[in-house]
C-alpha atoms as a PDB file:
ATOM      1  CA  MET A   1      41.144 187.106  91.444  1.00  0.00           C
ATOM      2  CA  LYS A   2      38.814 188.071  94.374  1.00  0.00           C
ATOM      3  CA  LYS A   3      35.324 189.549  94.208  1.00  0.00           C
ATOM      4  CA  VAL A   4      34.930 192.233  96.920  1.00  0.00           C
ATOM      5  CA  CYS A   5      31.817 194.670  97.160  1.00  0.00           C
ATOM      6  CA  VAL A   6      32.212 198.266  96.844  1.00  0.00           C
ATOM      7  CA  PRO A   7      30.001 200.434  98.959  1.00  0.00           C
ATOM      8  CA  ALA A   8      28.051 203.013  96.827  1.00  0.00           C
ATOM      9  CA  GLY A   9      29.727 205.712  98.816  1.00  0.00           C
ATOM     10  CA  ALA A  10      32.813 204.962  97.429  1.00  0.00           C
ATOM     11  CA  LEU A  11      31.632 205.346  94.057  1.00  0.00           C
ATOM     12  CA  SER A  12      31.967 208.519  91.937  1.00  0.00           C
ATOM     13  CA  SER A  13      28.876 210.694  91.530  1.00  0.00           C
ATOM     14  CA  SER A  14      28.709 209.614  87.604  1.00  0.00           C
ATOM     15  CA  SER A  15      27.484 206.355  89.065  1.00  0.00           C
ATOM     16  CA  PHE A  16      24.164 207.955  89.869  1.00  0.00           C
ATOM     17  CA  GLN A  17      21.404 208.249  87.239  1.00  0.00           C
ATOM     18  CA  LEU A  18      18.545 210.564  86.967  1.00  0.00           C
ATOM     19  CA  LYS A  19      15.405 209.129  85.808  1.00  0.00           C
ATOM     20  CA  MET A  20      12.044 210.878  85.214  1.00  0.00           C
ATOM     21  CA  VAL A  21       8.901 209.233  86.253  1.00  0.00           C
ATOM     22  CA  GLY A  22       5.837 211.392  85.387  1.00  0.00           C
ATOM     23  CA  ALA A  23       6.576 214.680  87.338  1.00  0.00           C
ATOM     24  CA  VAL A  24       9.026 213.093  89.972  1.00  0.00           C
ATOM     25  CA  CYS A  25      12.441 213.021  89.753  1.00  0.00           C
ATOM     26  CA  ILE A  26      13.952 209.468  91.083  1.00  0.00           C
ATOM     27  CA  TYR A  27      17.339 209.035  91.910  1.00  0.00           C
ATOM     28  CA  LEU A  28      18.797 205.700  91.202  1.00  0.00           C
ATOM     29  CA  CYS A  29      22.005 204.228  92.519  1.00  0.00           C
ATOM     30  CA  VAL A  30      23.557 200.794  92.746  1.00  0.00           C
ATOM     31  CA  LEU A  31      24.009 200.014  96.299  1.00  0.00           C
ATOM     32  CA  LEU A  32      26.746 197.452  95.957  1.00  0.00           C
ATOM     33  CA  LEU A  33      28.982 196.767  92.965  1.00  0.00           C
ATOM     34  CA  GLN A  34      30.965 193.956  92.605  1.00  0.00           C
ATOM     35  CA  VAL A  35      34.661 194.951  91.398  1.00  0.00           C
ATOM     36  CA  THR A  36      36.970 192.068  90.727  1.00  0.00           C
ATOM     37  CA  VAL A  37      40.731 192.870  92.146  1.00  0.00           C
ATOM     38  CA  GLU A  38      43.946 190.709  92.173  1.00  0.00           C
ATOM     39  CA  VAL A  39      45.502 189.911  95.452  1.00  0.00           C
ATOM     40  CA  PRO A  40      48.652 191.341  96.333  1.00  0.00           C
ATOM     41  CA  ASP A  41      52.051 190.268  95.509  1.00  0.00           C
ATOM     42  CA  VAL A  42      54.636 189.821  98.112  1.00  0.00           C
ATOM     43  CA  LYS A  43      55.827 193.410  97.915  1.00  0.00           C
ATOM     44  CA  GLY A  44      52.349 194.599  98.292  1.00  0.00           C
ATOM     45  CA  ARG A  45      51.647 192.165 101.251  1.00  0.00           C
ATOM     46  CA  THR A  46      54.590 193.710 102.824  1.00  0.00           C
ATOM     47  CA  ASP A  47      53.270 197.120 102.461  1.00  0.00           C
ATOM     48  CA  ILE A  48      49.937 196.300 103.512  1.00  0.00           C
ATOM     49  CA  LEU A  49      51.323 194.384 106.731  1.00  0.00           C
ATOM     50  CA  LYS A  50      53.436 197.477 107.585  1.00  0.00           C
ATOM     51  CA  VAL A  51      50.407 199.755 107.722  1.00  0.00           C
ATOM     52  CA  HIS A  52      48.283 197.622 109.841  1.00  0.00           C
ATOM     53  CA  ALA A  53      51.473 196.896 112.261  1.00  0.00           C
ATOM     54  CA  SER A  54      51.947 200.566 112.763  1.00  0.00           C
ATOM     55  CA  ASN A  55      50.121 200.289 116.206  1.00  0.00           C
ATOM     56  CA  LYS A  56      50.973 196.906 117.318  1.00  0.00           C
ATOM     57  CA  LYS A  57      54.226 195.742 119.372  1.00  0.00           C
ATOM     58  CA  PHE A  58      56.286 192.990 117.896  1.00  0.00           C
ATOM     59  CA  ALA A  59      58.866 190.561 119.309  1.00  0.00           C
ATOM     60  CA  ASP A  60      62.358 190.582 117.537  1.00  0.00           C
ATOM     61  CA  ASP A  61      61.629 186.913 115.921  1.00  0.00           C
ATOM     62  CA  VAL A  62      58.689 188.610 113.678  1.00  0.00           C
ATOM     63  CA  SER A  63      59.611 189.669 110.163  1.00  0.00           C
ATOM     64  CA  LEU A  64      56.902 191.079 108.218  1.00  0.00           C
ATOM     65  CA  GLU A  65      58.652 190.274 105.044  1.00  0.00           C
ATOM     66  CA  ILE A  66      58.764 186.652 105.949  1.00  0.00           C
ATOM     67  CA  VAL A  67      55.178 186.665 107.081  1.00  0.00           C
ATOM     68  CA  ALA A  68      54.030 188.462 103.754  1.00  0.00           C
ATOM     69  CA  MET A  69      56.195 185.206 101.829  1.00  0.00           C
ATOM     70  CA  ARG A  70      54.147 183.049 104.079  1.00  0.00           C
ATOM     71  CA  THR A  71      50.668 184.465 102.771  1.00  0.00           C
ATOM     72  CA  PRO A  72      49.991 183.979  99.472  1.00  0.00           C
ATOM     73  CA  GLY A  73      46.596 184.653  98.178  1.00  0.00           C
ATOM     74  CA  PHE A  74      45.822 186.754 101.327  1.00  0.00           C
ATOM     75  CA  SER A  75      43.930 190.397 100.567  1.00  0.00           C
ATOM     76  CA  GLY A  76      44.356 193.330 102.655  1.00  0.00           C
ATOM     77  CA  ALA A  77      41.401 192.374 104.699  1.00  0.00           C
ATOM     78  CA  ASP A  78      43.110 189.069 105.424  1.00  0.00           C
ATOM     79  CA  LEU A  79      46.257 190.453 106.328  1.00  0.00           C
ATOM     80  CA  ALA A  80      44.714 193.100 108.665  1.00  0.00           C
ATOM     81  CA  ASN A  81      42.652 190.167 110.113  1.00  0.00           C
ATOM     82  CA  LEU A  82      45.766 188.228 110.565  1.00  0.00           C
ATOM     83  CA  LEU A  83      47.477 190.851 112.855  1.00  0.00           C
ATOM     84  CA  ASN A  84      44.438 191.569 114.772  1.00  0.00           C
ATOM     85  CA  GLU A  85      43.996 187.717 115.378  1.00  0.00           C
ATOM     86  CA  ALA A  86      47.656 187.627 116.559  1.00  0.00           C
ATOM     87  CA  ALA A  87      47.071 190.612 118.694  1.00  0.00           C
ATOM     88  CA  ILE A  88      44.012 189.121 120.590  1.00  0.00           C
ATOM     89  CA  LEU A  89      46.179 185.721 120.925  1.00  0.00           C
ATOM     90  CA  THR A  90      48.921 187.755 122.560  1.00  0.00           C
ATOM     91  CA  GLY A  91      46.540 189.338 124.963  1.00  0.00           C
ATOM     92  CA  ARG A  92      44.852 186.162 125.663  1.00  0.00           C
ATOM     93  CA  ARG A  93      48.429 184.279 126.500  1.00  0.00           C
ATOM     94  CA  GLY A  94      49.262 187.559 128.848  1.00  0.00           C
ATOM     95  CA  LYS A  95      52.169 188.354 126.362  1.00  0.00           C
ATOM     96  CA  SER A  96      53.284 191.892 125.693  1.00  0.00           C
ATOM     97  CA  ALA A  97      54.584 191.605 122.536  1.00  0.00           C
ATOM     98  CA  ILE A  98      53.235 189.335 119.217  1.00  0.00           C
ATOM     99  CA  THR A  99      55.609 186.417 118.756  1.00  0.00           C
ATOM    100  CA  ALA A 100      56.048 184.263 115.566  1.00  0.00           C
ATOM    101  CA  LYS A 101      53.900 181.801 117.556  1.00  0.00           C
ATOM    102  CA  GLU A 102      50.945 184.266 117.515  1.00  0.00           C
ATOM    103  CA  ILE A 103      51.429 184.913 113.494  1.00  0.00           C
ATOM    104  CA  ASP A 104      51.855 181.341 113.189  1.00  0.00           C
ATOM    105  CA  ASP A 105      48.501 180.370 115.035  1.00  0.00           C
ATOM    106  CA  SER A 106      46.642 183.027 113.508  1.00  0.00           C
ATOM    107  CA  ILE A 107      47.402 182.009 109.895  1.00  0.00           C
ATOM    108  CA  ASP A 108      46.365 178.651 110.866  1.00  0.00           C
ATOM    109  CA  ARG A 109      42.988 180.133 112.159  1.00  0.00           C
ATOM    110  CA  ILE A 110      42.333 182.230 109.105  1.00  0.00           C
ATOM    111  CA  VAL A 111      43.461 179.322 106.588  1.00  0.00           C
ATOM    112  CA  ALA A 112      41.646 176.340 108.234  1.00  0.00           C
ATOM    113  CA  GLY A 113      39.164 178.523 110.312  1.00  0.00           C
ATOM    114  CA  MET A 114      38.398 178.924 113.980  1.00  0.00           C
ATOM    115  CA  GLU A 115      38.448 176.060 116.325  1.00  0.00           C
ATOM    116  CA  GLY A 116      34.952 174.810 116.981  1.00  0.00           C
ATOM    117  CA  THR A 117      33.237 172.818 119.870  1.00  0.00           C
ATOM    118  CA  VAL A 118      32.970 168.909 118.992  1.00  0.00           C
ATOM    119  CA  MET A 119      29.036 168.000 119.103  1.00  0.00           C
ATOM    120  CA  THR A 120      29.330 164.279 119.834  1.00  0.00           C
ATOM    121  CA  ASP A 121      25.641 163.685 121.132  1.00  0.00           C
ATOM    122  CA  GLY A 122      22.609 163.663 118.412  1.00  0.00           C
ATOM    123  CA  LYS A 123      20.549 166.086 120.539  1.00  0.00           C
ATOM    124  CA  SER A 124      23.195 168.776 119.899  1.00  0.00           C
ATOM    125  CA  LYS A 125      23.452 168.137 116.030  1.00  0.00           C
ATOM    126  CA  SER A 126      19.639 168.423 116.064  1.00  0.00           C
ATOM    127  CA  LEU A 127      19.150 171.480 117.714  1.00  0.00           C
ATOM    128  CA  VAL A 128      21.867 173.230 115.481  1.00  0.00           C
ATOM    129  CA  ALA A 129      20.267 171.773 112.421  1.00  0.00           C
ATOM    130  CA  TYR A 130      16.608 173.417 113.633  1.00  0.00           C
ATOM    131  CA  HIS A 131      18.475 176.684 114.240  1.00  0.00           C
ATOM    132  CA  GLU A 132      20.104 176.710 110.840  1.00  0.00           C
ATOM    133  CA  VAL A 133      16.785 175.510 108.900  1.00  0.00           C
ATOM    134  CA  GLY A 134      15.387 178.862 110.734  1.00  0.00           C
ATOM    135  CA  HIS A 135      18.113 180.845 109.239  1.00  0.00           C
ATOM    136  CA  ALA A 136      17.196 179.323 105.957  1.00  0.00           C
ATOM    137  CA  ILE A 137      13.192 179.889 106.284  1.00  0.00           C
ATOM    138  CA  CYS A 138      13.366 183.530 107.524  1.00  0.00           C
ATOM    139  CA  GLY A 139      16.279 184.634 105.443  1.00  0.00           C
END
């Protein structure tokens, strides 16, 4: 189960309440509503991949069914991100079609995270620490 936030615009008009405060009517609405949804099964992931693959060119070695089987626990947004990341890697590598190598690397990037730069010296670590403390203080 994953929690996703749904914008209030996606909700029905019944989610709005009318409240009388003196002579003024105030509309109250929930800006974000948390809804718990299950991640798709293999068939659902295959269907989602087909939708997001419609505008991308793939090499012959790529099977969306196999990609769907290799991505348990991925949400629809994760699958869209997977194909977009594979397309970016394809362009960076000067290829004309997404291959299994780009799909593999994209899965690794999504599961393990993006590659970062190694900070070896203490000064860089201190600067990043001060920067992050600034985020914590300012919000």
